[in-house]
């Protein structure tokens, strides 16, 4: 039920990143600017037990705080200490409407998926660039008790790889 982006600038075509949650849902995002693929949906999900159903919209561009671009580089789902599902996404930033590598943000959204449509509320945003992390070539892995591990490979510029631990409080 999804028409994935097939033509875009810089060969960015979806699906791009994938992750799962503890209920077996599969979450998929595209890596594309909305100007190239004017669809408000950033992350979709499906359950492999019933592939006849269309993928549900999870995260919309309208859920993202203003000033943060609509290009997602990594996603992860975890539960917080209250048992709520949290969608973590590393998003690219903008400069005069152009996506830039030096403005990656880790945005966390609390999900309420008991009804359709899925309800999303923005929890927090962490500017990763301030801590030496760009927004590209990243991966997120949930730890325990709501903490996260973020990894990045640097192929140019600063060649040092980055591994970051973010605790429950966002530090």
N, C-alpha and C. Protein backbone atom coordinates (compact mmCIF):
# COMPACT_ATOMS: atom_id res chain seq x y z
N UNK A 1 0.79 -1.22 0.00
CA UNK A 1 0.00 0.00 0.00
C UNK A 1 0.82 1.27 0.00
N UNK A 2 2.12 1.18 -0.27
CA UNK A 2 2.98 2.37 -0.26
C UNK A 2 3.61 2.55 -1.63
N UNK A 3 3.56 3.77 -2.14
CA UNK A 3 4.30 4.12 -3.35
C UNK A 3 5.60 4.77 -2.90
N UNK A 4 6.66 3.98 -2.84
CA UNK A 4 7.93 4.50 -2.34
C UNK A 4 8.48 5.52 -3.32
N UNK A 5 9.25 6.43 -2.78
CA UNK A 5 9.94 7.43 -3.60
C UNK A 5 10.88 6.70 -4.55
N UNK A 6 10.76 6.97 -5.85
CA UNK A 6 11.64 6.30 -6.82
C UNK A 6 12.51 7.27 -7.59
N UNK A 7 12.20 8.54 -7.54
CA UNK A 7 13.04 9.55 -8.20
C UNK A 7 13.32 10.66 -7.21
N UNK A 8 14.58 10.95 -7.03
CA UNK A 8 14.93 11.96 -6.05
C UNK A 8 16.33 12.49 -6.34
N UNK A 9 16.66 13.59 -5.71
CA UNK A 9 18.00 14.14 -5.83
C UNK A 9 18.99 13.24 -5.10
N UNK A 10 20.20 13.20 -5.56
CA UNK A 10 21.28 12.46 -4.89
C UNK A 10 20.98 10.99 -4.68
N UNK A 11 20.14 10.41 -5.52
CA UNK A 11 19.85 8.98 -5.49
C UNK A 11 19.23 8.51 -4.18
N UNK A 12 18.49 9.39 -3.53
CA UNK A 12 17.86 9.00 -2.27
C UNK A 12 16.49 8.44 -2.55
N UNK A 13 16.35 7.14 -2.39
CA UNK A 13 15.09 6.46 -2.65
C UNK A 13 14.73 5.60 -1.45
N UNK A 14 13.45 5.51 -1.16
CA UNK A 14 13.02 4.74 0.00
C UNK A 14 12.66 3.32 -0.39
N UNK A 15 12.50 2.41 0.55
CA UNK A 15 12.70 2.61 1.98
C UNK A 15 14.18 2.72 2.35
N UNK A 16 14.45 3.43 3.47
CA UNK A 16 15.84 3.72 3.81
C UNK A 16 16.28 3.03 5.10
N UNK A 17 15.59 3.28 6.21
CA UNK A 17 15.95 2.67 7.50
C UNK A 17 14.79 1.83 8.01
N UNK A 18 15.11 0.84 8.81
CA UNK A 18 14.09 -0.06 9.34
C UNK A 18 14.45 -0.42 10.78
N UNK A 19 13.43 -0.61 11.62
CA UNK A 19 13.63 -1.11 12.97
C UNK A 19 12.37 -1.84 13.39
N UNK A 20 12.42 -2.54 14.51
CA UNK A 20 11.27 -3.28 15.02
C UNK A 20 11.02 -2.87 16.48
N UNK A 21 9.80 -3.19 16.96
CA UNK A 21 9.53 -2.96 18.37
C UNK A 21 9.26 -4.29 19.07
N UNK A 22 8.96 -4.25 20.36
CA UNK A 22 8.79 -5.47 21.14
C UNK A 22 7.48 -6.20 20.85
N UNK A 23 6.61 -5.63 20.02
CA UNK A 23 5.38 -6.29 19.61
C UNK A 23 5.46 -6.87 18.20
N UNK A 24 6.64 -6.75 17.59
CA UNK A 24 6.83 -7.32 16.26
C UNK A 24 6.52 -6.40 15.10
N UNK A 25 6.13 -5.15 15.37
CA UNK A 25 5.90 -4.19 14.29
C UNK A 25 7.22 -3.83 13.62
N UNK A 26 7.16 -3.60 12.32
CA UNK A 26 8.32 -3.17 11.54
C UNK A 26 8.08 -1.72 11.14
N UNK A 27 9.04 -0.86 11.45
CA UNK A 27 8.96 0.58 11.15
C UNK A 27 9.93 0.89 10.01
N UNK A 28 9.46 1.68 9.05
CA UNK A 28 10.26 1.98 7.87
C UNK A 28 10.19 3.48 7.60
N UNK A 29 11.33 4.08 7.26
CA UNK A 29 11.33 5.49 6.86
C UNK A 29 12.04 5.63 5.52
N UNK A 30 11.82 6.78 4.91
CA UNK A 30 12.51 7.12 3.67
C UNK A 30 13.53 8.21 3.95
N UNK A 31 14.60 8.24 3.17
CA UNK A 31 15.59 9.30 3.28
C UNK A 31 15.42 10.19 2.06
N UNK A 32 14.57 11.21 2.22
CA UNK A 32 14.32 12.09 1.09
C UNK A 32 13.77 13.42 1.58
N UNK A 33 14.13 14.50 0.91
CA UNK A 33 13.51 15.78 1.23
C UNK A 33 12.08 15.80 0.73
N UNK A 34 11.19 16.46 1.45
CA UNK A 34 9.78 16.46 1.05
C UNK A 34 9.58 17.19 -0.27
N UNK A 35 10.47 18.09 -0.63
CA UNK A 35 10.32 18.78 -1.91
C UNK A 35 10.44 17.80 -3.08
N UNK A 36 11.19 16.71 -2.87
CA UNK A 36 11.35 15.71 -3.93
C UNK A 36 10.21 14.71 -3.93
N UNK A 37 9.59 14.53 -2.79
CA UNK A 37 8.53 13.54 -2.65
C UNK A 37 7.50 14.13 -1.70
N UNK A 38 6.58 14.91 -2.21
CA UNK A 38 5.71 15.73 -1.35
C UNK A 38 4.66 14.92 -0.60
N UNK A 39 5.10 14.12 0.33
CA UNK A 39 4.23 13.32 1.15
C UNK A 39 4.58 13.65 2.60
N UNK A 40 3.59 13.90 3.43
CA UNK A 40 3.80 14.31 4.80
C UNK A 40 4.26 13.15 5.70
N UNK A 41 4.20 11.90 5.22
CA UNK A 41 4.53 10.75 6.05
C UNK A 41 6.05 10.52 6.05
N UNK A 42 6.64 10.46 7.25
CA UNK A 42 8.07 10.22 7.39
C UNK A 42 8.38 8.79 7.80
N UNK A 43 7.54 8.21 8.69
CA UNK A 43 7.75 6.85 9.16
C UNK A 43 6.41 6.11 9.07
N UNK A 44 6.48 4.88 8.56
CA UNK A 44 5.31 4.00 8.47
C UNK A 44 5.62 2.71 9.22
N UNK A 45 4.56 1.96 9.54
CA UNK A 45 4.80 0.67 10.17
C UNK A 45 3.81 -0.36 9.65
N UNK A 46 4.20 -1.62 9.79
CA UNK A 46 3.33 -2.75 9.43
C UNK A 46 3.65 -3.90 10.36
N UNK A 47 2.73 -4.87 10.38
CA UNK A 47 2.99 -6.06 11.17
C UNK A 47 3.08 -7.24 10.21
N UNK A 48 4.17 -7.99 10.25
CA UNK A 48 4.37 -9.08 9.29
C UNK A 48 3.31 -10.18 9.39
N UNK A 49 2.52 -10.22 10.46
CA UNK A 49 1.50 -11.26 10.59
C UNK A 49 0.34 -11.05 9.62
N UNK A 50 0.19 -9.84 9.08
CA UNK A 50 -0.88 -9.57 8.12
C UNK A 50 -0.39 -8.60 7.06
N UNK A 51 0.25 -9.15 6.04
CA UNK A 51 0.83 -8.32 4.98
C UNK A 51 -0.23 -7.81 4.01
N UNK A 52 -1.49 -8.18 4.20
CA UNK A 52 -2.53 -7.68 3.31
C UNK A 52 -2.98 -6.27 3.72
N UNK A 53 -2.62 -5.84 4.92
CA UNK A 53 -3.00 -4.50 5.38
C UNK A 53 -1.99 -3.47 4.89
N UNK A 54 -2.47 -2.27 4.60
CA UNK A 54 -1.58 -1.18 4.23
C UNK A 54 -0.75 -0.75 5.44
N UNK A 55 0.41 -0.18 5.17
CA UNK A 55 1.26 0.31 6.24
C UNK A 55 0.61 1.52 6.89
N UNK A 56 0.67 1.59 8.21
CA UNK A 56 0.12 2.71 8.96
C UNK A 56 1.10 3.87 8.99
N UNK A 57 0.60 5.08 8.90
CA UNK A 57 1.43 6.26 9.11
C UNK A 57 1.71 6.38 10.60
N UNK A 58 2.98 6.61 10.95
CA UNK A 58 3.36 6.76 12.35
C UNK A 58 3.80 8.19 12.63
N UNK A 59 4.82 8.66 11.91
CA UNK A 59 5.37 10.00 12.13
C UNK A 59 5.13 10.84 10.89
N UNK A 60 4.53 12.00 11.09
CA UNK A 60 4.27 12.93 10.00
C UNK A 60 5.22 14.12 10.12
N UNK A 61 5.48 14.80 9.00
CA UNK A 61 6.30 16.00 9.05
C UNK A 61 5.70 17.03 10.01
N UNK A 62 4.39 17.09 10.09
CA UNK A 62 3.73 18.05 10.98
C UNK A 62 3.97 17.73 12.46
N UNK A 63 4.46 16.52 12.79
CA UNK A 63 4.79 16.16 14.17
C UNK A 63 6.17 16.66 14.59
N UNK A 64 6.99 17.01 13.61
CA UNK A 64 8.38 17.40 13.86
C UNK A 64 8.44 18.89 14.20
N UNK A 65 9.21 19.28 15.23
CA UNK A 65 9.31 20.70 15.57
C UNK A 65 9.80 21.52 14.37
N UNK A 66 9.32 22.74 14.26
CA UNK A 66 9.70 23.59 13.12
C UNK A 66 11.20 23.85 13.14
N UNK A 67 11.76 24.01 11.97
CA UNK A 67 13.19 24.27 11.83
C UNK A 67 14.02 23.01 11.72
N UNK A 68 13.38 21.85 11.81
CA UNK A 68 14.11 20.58 11.66
C UNK A 68 13.64 19.93 10.37
N UNK A 69 14.60 19.54 9.55
CA UNK A 69 14.28 19.02 8.22
C UNK A 69 13.57 17.69 8.28
N UNK A 70 13.01 17.33 7.16
CA UNK A 70 12.23 16.12 7.06
C UNK A 70 13.02 14.94 6.51
N UNK A 71 14.31 14.95 6.65
CA UNK A 71 15.12 13.82 6.21
C UNK A 71 15.54 13.02 7.43
N UNK A 72 15.15 11.75 7.46
CA UNK A 72 15.47 10.89 8.60
C UNK A 72 16.67 10.02 8.24
N UNK A 73 17.63 9.97 9.16
CA UNK A 73 18.83 9.18 8.91
C UNK A 73 18.87 7.89 9.71
N UNK A 74 18.18 7.83 10.84
CA UNK A 74 18.14 6.63 11.67
C UNK A 74 16.88 6.66 12.51
N UNK A 75 16.35 5.46 12.82
CA UNK A 75 15.20 5.37 13.71
C UNK A 75 15.39 4.21 14.67
N UNK A 76 14.72 4.31 15.82
CA UNK A 76 14.70 3.23 16.81
C UNK A 76 13.44 3.39 17.65
N UNK A 77 12.92 2.27 18.13
CA UNK A 77 11.75 2.26 19.01
C UNK A 77 12.18 1.64 20.34
N UNK A 78 11.79 2.28 21.43
CA UNK A 78 12.09 1.76 22.77
C UNK A 78 10.93 2.12 23.69
N UNK A 79 10.91 1.51 24.84
CA UNK A 79 9.92 1.88 25.86
C UNK A 79 10.62 2.71 26.94
N UNK A 80 9.92 3.74 27.41
CA UNK A 80 10.48 4.54 28.49
C UNK A 80 10.14 3.91 29.83
N UNK A 81 10.54 4.55 30.92
CA UNK A 81 10.34 3.97 32.25
C UNK A 81 8.85 3.87 32.62
N UNK A 82 7.99 4.60 31.89
CA UNK A 82 6.54 4.51 32.11
C UNK A 82 5.88 3.45 31.24
N UNK A 83 6.67 2.77 30.41
CA UNK A 83 6.14 1.73 29.53
C UNK A 83 5.59 2.25 28.21
N UNK A 84 5.73 3.54 27.93
CA UNK A 84 5.26 4.10 26.67
C UNK A 84 6.27 3.82 25.56
N UNK A 85 5.75 3.59 24.34
CA UNK A 85 6.65 3.46 23.20
C UNK A 85 7.19 4.83 22.82
N UNK A 86 8.48 4.87 22.54
CA UNK A 86 9.11 6.12 22.12
C UNK A 86 9.82 5.87 20.78
N UNK A 87 9.51 6.71 19.80
CA UNK A 87 10.17 6.67 18.50
C UNK A 87 11.30 7.69 18.53
N UNK A 88 12.53 7.21 18.33
CA UNK A 88 13.70 8.08 18.27
C UNK A 88 14.12 8.18 16.81
N UNK A 89 14.38 9.41 16.34
CA UNK A 89 14.75 9.62 14.94
C UNK A 89 15.83 10.67 14.85
N UNK A 90 16.88 10.36 14.09
CA UNK A 90 17.89 11.38 13.80
C UNK A 90 17.47 12.03 12.50
N UNK A 91 17.23 13.34 12.56
CA UNK A 91 16.77 14.11 11.41
C UNK A 91 17.82 15.12 11.01
N UNK A 92 17.88 15.40 9.69
CA UNK A 92 18.79 16.41 9.16
C UNK A 92 18.22 17.79 9.35
N UNK A 93 19.09 18.78 9.42
CA UNK A 93 18.67 20.16 9.54
C UNK A 93 18.68 20.87 8.20
N UNK A 94 18.31 22.13 8.21
CA UNK A 94 18.28 22.91 6.97
C UNK A 94 19.08 24.19 7.13
N UNK A 95 19.54 24.69 6.02
CA UNK A 95 20.17 25.99 5.95
C UNK A 95 19.67 26.64 4.67
N UNK A 96 18.86 27.66 4.80
CA UNK A 96 18.25 28.32 3.63
C UNK A 96 17.50 27.32 2.75
N UNK A 97 16.85 26.35 3.37
CA UNK A 97 16.08 25.37 2.61
C UNK A 97 16.89 24.21 2.09
N UNK A 98 18.22 24.24 2.25
CA UNK A 98 19.08 23.14 1.79
C UNK A 98 19.46 22.28 2.99
N UNK A 99 19.44 20.98 2.79
CA UNK A 99 19.83 20.09 3.87
C UNK A 99 21.32 20.20 4.12
N UNK A 100 21.71 20.19 5.39
CA UNK A 100 23.11 20.30 5.74
C UNK A 100 23.50 19.14 6.64
N UNK A 101 24.76 18.75 6.57
CA UNK A 101 25.25 17.63 7.36
C UNK A 101 25.53 18.01 8.80
N UNK A 102 25.76 19.30 9.06
CA UNK A 102 26.22 19.69 10.39
C UNK A 102 25.11 20.12 11.32
N UNK A 103 23.91 19.64 11.09
CA UNK A 103 22.81 20.09 11.95
C UNK A 103 21.88 18.95 12.33
N UNK A 104 22.43 17.77 12.58
CA UNK A 104 21.61 16.63 12.95
C UNK A 104 20.98 16.79 14.31
N UNK A 105 19.76 16.34 14.45
CA UNK A 105 19.04 16.41 15.70
C UNK A 105 18.45 15.02 16.01
N UNK A 106 18.52 14.62 17.26
CA UNK A 106 17.86 13.41 17.72
C UNK A 106 16.54 13.84 18.33
N UNK A 107 15.44 13.51 17.66
CA UNK A 107 14.11 13.85 18.17
C UNK A 107 13.46 12.59 18.71
N UNK A 108 12.82 12.72 19.86
CA UNK A 108 12.12 11.60 20.49
C UNK A 108 10.64 11.94 20.57
N UNK A 109 9.81 10.96 20.20
CA UNK A 109 8.36 11.15 20.15
C UNK A 109 7.69 10.02 20.92
N UNK A 110 6.76 10.36 21.82
CA UNK A 110 5.98 9.35 22.53
C UNK A 110 4.83 8.93 21.64
N UNK A 111 4.65 7.62 21.49
CA UNK A 111 3.60 7.07 20.62
C UNK A 111 2.46 6.52 21.46
N UNK A 112 1.25 6.82 21.03
CA UNK A 112 0.07 6.16 21.58
C UNK A 112 -0.59 5.44 20.42
N UNK A 113 -0.38 4.14 20.33
CA UNK A 113 -0.85 3.38 19.16
C UNK A 113 -2.02 2.46 19.50
N UNK A 114 -2.76 2.80 20.56
CA UNK A 114 -3.91 1.98 20.93
C UNK A 114 -5.08 2.16 19.97
N UNK A 115 -5.13 3.29 19.29
CA UNK A 115 -6.19 3.55 18.32
C UNK A 115 -5.56 4.04 17.02
N UNK A 116 -6.38 4.11 16.00
CA UNK A 116 -5.91 4.64 14.72
C UNK A 116 -6.63 5.96 14.47
N UNK A 117 -5.97 7.00 14.03
CA UNK A 117 -4.55 7.05 13.71
C UNK A 117 -3.68 7.07 14.97
N UNK A 118 -2.43 6.73 14.80
CA UNK A 118 -1.47 6.71 15.90
C UNK A 118 -1.21 8.15 16.34
N UNK A 119 -1.24 8.37 17.64
CA UNK A 119 -1.00 9.70 18.19
C UNK A 119 0.47 9.84 18.58
N UNK A 120 1.07 10.96 18.18
CA UNK A 120 2.49 11.22 18.45
C UNK A 120 2.60 12.54 19.20
N UNK A 121 3.42 12.56 20.26
CA UNK A 121 3.72 13.83 20.92
C UNK A 121 5.23 13.97 21.05
N UNK A 122 5.74 15.15 20.68
CA UNK A 122 7.18 15.41 20.73
C UNK A 122 7.63 15.44 22.18
N UNK A 123 8.66 14.67 22.47
CA UNK A 123 9.17 14.60 23.84
C UNK A 123 10.37 15.52 24.03
N UNK A 124 11.40 15.37 23.18
CA UNK A 124 12.59 16.20 23.30
C UNK A 124 13.40 16.15 22.02
N UNK A 125 14.27 17.14 21.87
CA UNK A 125 15.21 17.20 20.76
C UNK A 125 16.59 17.45 21.33
N UNK A 126 17.57 16.68 20.88
CA UNK A 126 18.95 16.86 21.30
C UNK A 126 19.76 17.22 20.06
N UNK A 127 20.52 18.32 20.12
CA UNK A 127 21.37 18.72 19.01
C UNK A 127 22.65 17.89 19.07
N UNK A 128 22.76 16.91 18.19
CA UNK A 128 23.91 16.00 18.22
C UNK A 128 25.20 16.66 17.75
N UNK A 129 25.08 17.65 16.86
CA UNK A 129 26.28 18.29 16.32
C UNK A 129 27.10 18.96 17.43
N UNK A 130 26.43 19.46 18.45
CA UNK A 130 27.15 20.08 19.56
C UNK A 130 28.06 19.07 20.26
N UNK A 131 27.74 17.78 20.11
CA UNK A 131 28.53 16.72 20.76
C UNK A 131 29.42 15.98 19.77
N UNK A 132 29.63 16.57 18.59
CA UNK A 132 30.54 15.98 17.62
C UNK A 132 29.92 15.00 16.65
N UNK A 133 28.59 14.87 16.65
CA UNK A 133 27.93 13.91 15.78
C UNK A 133 27.22 14.63 14.65
N UNK A 134 27.42 14.20 13.44
CA UNK A 134 26.70 14.74 12.31
C UNK A 134 25.39 13.97 12.19
N UNK A 135 24.64 14.19 11.10
CA UNK A 135 23.36 13.50 10.99
C UNK A 135 23.38 12.35 10.00
N UNK A 136 24.51 12.10 9.37
CA UNK A 136 24.56 11.05 8.35
C UNK A 136 25.37 9.86 8.84
N UNK A 137 25.15 8.71 8.21
CA UNK A 137 25.86 7.48 8.53
C UNK A 137 25.73 7.12 10.00
N UNK A 138 24.52 7.23 10.54
CA UNK A 138 24.30 6.97 11.95
C UNK A 138 23.43 5.75 12.14
N UNK A 139 23.49 5.19 13.35
CA UNK A 139 22.55 4.16 13.75
C UNK A 139 22.24 4.37 15.23
N UNK A 140 21.01 4.02 15.62
CA UNK A 140 20.56 4.16 17.00
C UNK A 140 20.21 2.77 17.51
N UNK A 141 20.62 2.49 18.74
CA UNK A 141 20.25 1.22 19.37
C UNK A 141 19.76 1.52 20.79
N UNK A 142 18.51 1.15 21.10
CA UNK A 142 18.04 1.34 22.47
C UNK A 142 18.84 0.49 23.45
N UNK A 143 19.12 1.07 24.61
CA UNK A 143 19.77 0.34 25.68
C UNK A 143 18.72 -0.17 26.65
N UNK A 144 18.97 -0.01 27.92
CA UNK A 144 17.99 -0.41 28.93
C UNK A 144 17.48 0.85 29.63
N UNK A 145 16.27 0.79 30.15
CA UNK A 145 15.68 1.89 30.91
C UNK A 145 15.59 3.19 30.12
N UNK A 146 15.41 3.11 28.80
CA UNK A 146 15.20 4.30 28.00
C UNK A 146 16.44 4.98 27.50
N UNK A 147 17.62 4.43 27.79
CA UNK A 147 18.83 5.06 27.26
C UNK A 147 19.08 4.62 25.82
N UNK A 148 19.98 5.32 25.14
CA UNK A 148 20.27 5.04 23.73
C UNK A 148 21.77 5.01 23.48
N UNK A 149 22.14 4.23 22.50
CA UNK A 149 23.49 4.26 21.95
C UNK A 149 23.38 4.76 20.51
N UNK A 150 24.23 5.71 20.15
CA UNK A 150 24.25 6.26 18.80
C UNK A 150 25.66 6.10 18.26
N UNK A 151 25.76 5.53 17.06
CA UNK A 151 27.07 5.32 16.44
C UNK A 151 27.12 6.01 15.10
N UNK A 152 28.33 6.43 14.73
CA UNK A 152 28.51 7.08 13.43
C UNK A 152 29.91 6.78 12.91
N UNK A 153 29.98 6.55 11.60
CA UNK A 153 31.27 6.44 10.93
C UNK A 153 31.52 7.71 10.17
N UNK A 154 32.72 8.24 10.31
CA UNK A 154 33.11 9.45 9.60
C UNK A 154 34.09 9.08 8.51
N UNK A 155 33.72 9.33 7.27
CA UNK A 155 34.59 8.97 6.16
C UNK A 155 35.42 10.14 5.66
N UNK A 156 35.02 11.35 6.00
CA UNK A 156 35.76 12.52 5.54
C UNK A 156 35.66 13.62 6.59
N UNK A 157 36.37 14.69 6.39
CA UNK A 157 36.36 15.77 7.39
C UNK A 157 37.07 15.28 8.63
N UNK A 158 36.35 15.13 9.72
CA UNK A 158 36.90 14.56 10.94
C UNK A 158 36.80 13.05 10.81
N UNK A 159 37.91 12.34 10.64
CA UNK A 159 37.85 10.90 10.37
C UNK A 159 37.60 10.04 11.60
N UNK A 160 37.42 10.65 12.76
CA UNK A 160 37.24 9.86 13.97
C UNK A 160 35.82 9.31 14.07
N UNK A 161 35.66 8.01 14.30
CA UNK A 161 34.32 7.48 14.53
C UNK A 161 33.77 8.00 15.86
N UNK A 162 32.45 8.03 15.95
CA UNK A 162 31.81 8.56 17.15
C UNK A 162 30.88 7.50 17.72
N UNK A 163 30.97 7.28 19.02
CA UNK A 163 30.04 6.42 19.74
C UNK A 163 29.53 7.23 20.93
N UNK A 164 28.21 7.36 21.01
CA UNK A 164 27.64 8.21 22.05
C UNK A 164 26.60 7.43 22.85
N UNK A 165 26.61 7.62 24.16
CA UNK A 165 25.58 7.06 25.04
C UNK A 165 24.72 8.23 25.53
N UNK A 166 23.40 8.10 25.40
CA UNK A 166 22.48 9.13 25.86
C UNK A 166 21.59 8.49 26.93
N UNK A 167 21.64 9.05 28.14
CA UNK A 167 20.87 8.44 29.22
C UNK A 167 19.42 8.90 29.19
N UNK A 168 18.64 8.43 30.15
CA UNK A 168 17.21 8.72 30.24
C UNK A 168 16.90 10.22 30.27
N UNK A 169 17.79 11.00 30.87
CA UNK A 169 17.56 12.44 30.99
C UNK A 169 17.99 13.20 29.75
N UNK A 170 18.54 12.51 28.76
CA UNK A 170 18.98 13.17 27.54
C UNK A 170 20.41 13.65 27.58
N UNK A 171 21.17 13.27 28.60
CA UNK A 171 22.58 13.67 28.70
C UNK A 171 23.48 12.63 28.04
